[in-house]
C-alpha atoms as a PDB file:
ATOM      1  CA  MET A   1     -69.766-261.787 135.219  1.00  0.00           C
ATOM      2  CA  VAL A   2     -67.847-259.602 138.005  1.00  0.00           C
ATOM      3  CA  ARG A   3     -68.713-255.928 136.794  1.00  0.00           C
ATOM      4  CA  SER A   4     -66.087-253.641 136.088  1.00  0.00           C
ATOM      5  CA  PRO A   5     -65.869-251.304 139.285  1.00  0.00           C
ATOM      6  CA  CYS A   6     -65.129-247.967 136.083  1.00  0.00           C
ATOM      7  CA  ILE A   7     -67.419-244.875 137.688  1.00  0.00           C
ATOM      8  CA  ALA A   8     -66.559-243.074 134.135  1.00  0.00           C
ATOM      9  CA  VAL A   9     -64.178-240.683 135.812  1.00  0.00           C
ATOM     10  CA  CYS A  10     -61.135-242.072 133.305  1.00  0.00           C
ATOM     11  CA  SER A  11     -57.991-240.583 133.693  1.00  0.00           C
ATOM     12  CA  LEU A  12     -54.723-241.787 134.860  1.00  0.00           C
ATOM     13  CA  ASP A  13     -52.314-240.265 137.516  1.00  0.00           C
ATOM     14  CA  ASP A  14     -48.674-239.938 137.509  1.00  0.00           C
ATOM     15  CA  LYS A  15     -48.368-243.520 138.895  1.00  0.00           C
ATOM     16  CA  ASP A  16     -50.608-245.112 135.679  1.00  0.00           C
ATOM     17  CA  MET A  17     -53.764-245.222 138.540  1.00  0.00           C
ATOM     18  CA  CYS A  18     -57.202-244.203 137.503  1.00  0.00           C
ATOM     19  CA  ILE A  19     -58.167-241.604 139.702  1.00  0.00           C
ATOM     20  CA  GLY A  20     -62.245-243.262 139.672  1.00  0.00           C
ATOM     21  CA  CYS A  21     -61.772-246.581 139.395  1.00  0.00           C
ATOM     22  CA  GLN A  22     -58.172-247.103 141.179  1.00  0.00           C
ATOM     23  CA  ARG A  23     -57.135-249.754 138.419  1.00  0.00           C
ATOM     24  CA  THR A  24     -53.758-249.347 136.931  1.00  0.00           C
ATOM     25  CA  GLY A  25     -53.945-248.840 133.126  1.00  0.00           C
ATOM     26  CA  ASP A  26     -53.056-252.631 132.994  1.00  0.00           C
ATOM     27  CA  GLU A  27     -55.740-253.929 134.820  1.00  0.00           C
ATOM     28  CA  ILE A  28     -58.384-251.726 132.741  1.00  0.00           C
ATOM     29  CA  THR A  29     -56.775-252.924 129.310  1.00  0.00           C
ATOM     30  CA  ARG A  30     -56.982-256.417 130.428  1.00  0.00           C
ATOM     31  CA  TRP A  31     -60.303-256.354 132.310  1.00  0.00           C
ATOM     32  CA  GLY A  32     -62.284-257.745 129.145  1.00  0.00           C
ATOM     33  CA  ARG A  33     -59.755-260.953 128.857  1.00  0.00           C
ATOM     34  CA  MET A  34     -60.035-261.611 132.379  1.00  0.00           C
ATOM     35  CA  SER A  35     -61.472-264.837 134.417  1.00  0.00           C
ATOM     36  CA  ASP A  36     -63.892-263.807 136.979  1.00  0.00           C
ATOM     37  CA  ASP A  37     -61.449-265.130 139.310  1.00  0.00           C
ATOM     38  CA  GLU A  38     -58.764-262.302 138.205  1.00  0.00           C
ATOM     39  CA  ARG A  39     -61.238-259.961 138.259  1.00  0.00           C
ATOM     40  CA  ARG A  40     -62.122-260.409 142.006  1.00  0.00           C
ATOM     41  CA  ALA A  41     -58.412-260.271 142.901  1.00  0.00           C
ATOM     42  CA  VAL A  42     -58.191-257.013 141.155  1.00  0.00           C
ATOM     43  CA  LEU A  43     -61.497-255.602 142.997  1.00  0.00           C
ATOM     44  CA  VAL A  44     -59.417-256.113 146.303  1.00  0.00           C
ATOM     45  CA  LEU A  45     -56.757-254.186 144.892  1.00  0.00           C
ATOM     46  CA  VAL A  46     -58.911-251.586 144.134  1.00  0.00           C
ATOM     47  CA  GLU A  47     -60.755-251.101 147.395  1.00  0.00           C
ATOM     48  CA  GLN A  48     -57.436-251.471 149.418  1.00  0.00           C
ATOM     49  CA  ARG A  49     -56.520-248.675 146.884  1.00  0.00           C
ATOM     50  CA  ALA A  50     -59.621-246.522 147.790  1.00  0.00           C
ATOM     51  CA  ARG A  51     -58.947-247.493 151.493  1.00  0.00           C
ATOM     52  CA  ALA A  52     -55.284-246.074 151.446  1.00  0.00           C
ATOM     53  CA  GLN A  53     -56.378-242.674 149.628  1.00  0.00           C
ATOM     54  CA  GLY A  54     -59.580-242.285 151.933  1.00  0.00           C
ATOM     55  CA  LEU A  55     -61.791-242.702 149.328  1.00  0.00           C
ATOM     56  CA  PHE A  56     -63.772-245.770 149.974  1.00  0.00           C
ATOM     57  CA  MET A  57     -66.495-244.546 152.426  1.00  0.00           C
ATOM     58  CA  ALA A  58     -67.080-241.858 150.058  1.00  0.00           C
ATOM     59  CA  THR A  59     -67.637-244.110 147.391  1.00  0.00           C
ATOM     60  CA  LEU A  60     -69.938-246.096 149.471  1.00  0.00           C
ATOM     61  CA  ALA A  61     -72.042-243.214 150.367  1.00  0.00           C
ATOM     62  CA  THR A  62     -72.114-242.257 146.635  1.00  0.00           C
ATOM     63  CA  ARG A  63     -73.538-245.721 145.388  1.00  0.00           C
ATOM     64  CA  GLU A  64     -76.085-245.630 148.340  1.00  0.00           C
ATOM     65  CA  ASN A  65     -77.679-242.371 147.463  1.00  0.00           C
ATOM     66  CA  LYS A  66     -78.419-243.129 143.724  1.00  0.00           C
END
């Protein structure tokens, strides 16, 4: 099972994007009903969104320190 990218920083911005996990409100709502292939596709989008905002490296560094 593909794990959720949730990092427990849950707040949607004005574009309906979670500032913590970079998923849309719709993606968050549907996550539990998605197939693993659908979840992987969302994770690709999450990475693209995080990179576009300059957040990707910060996320990796945080995970490596845990």
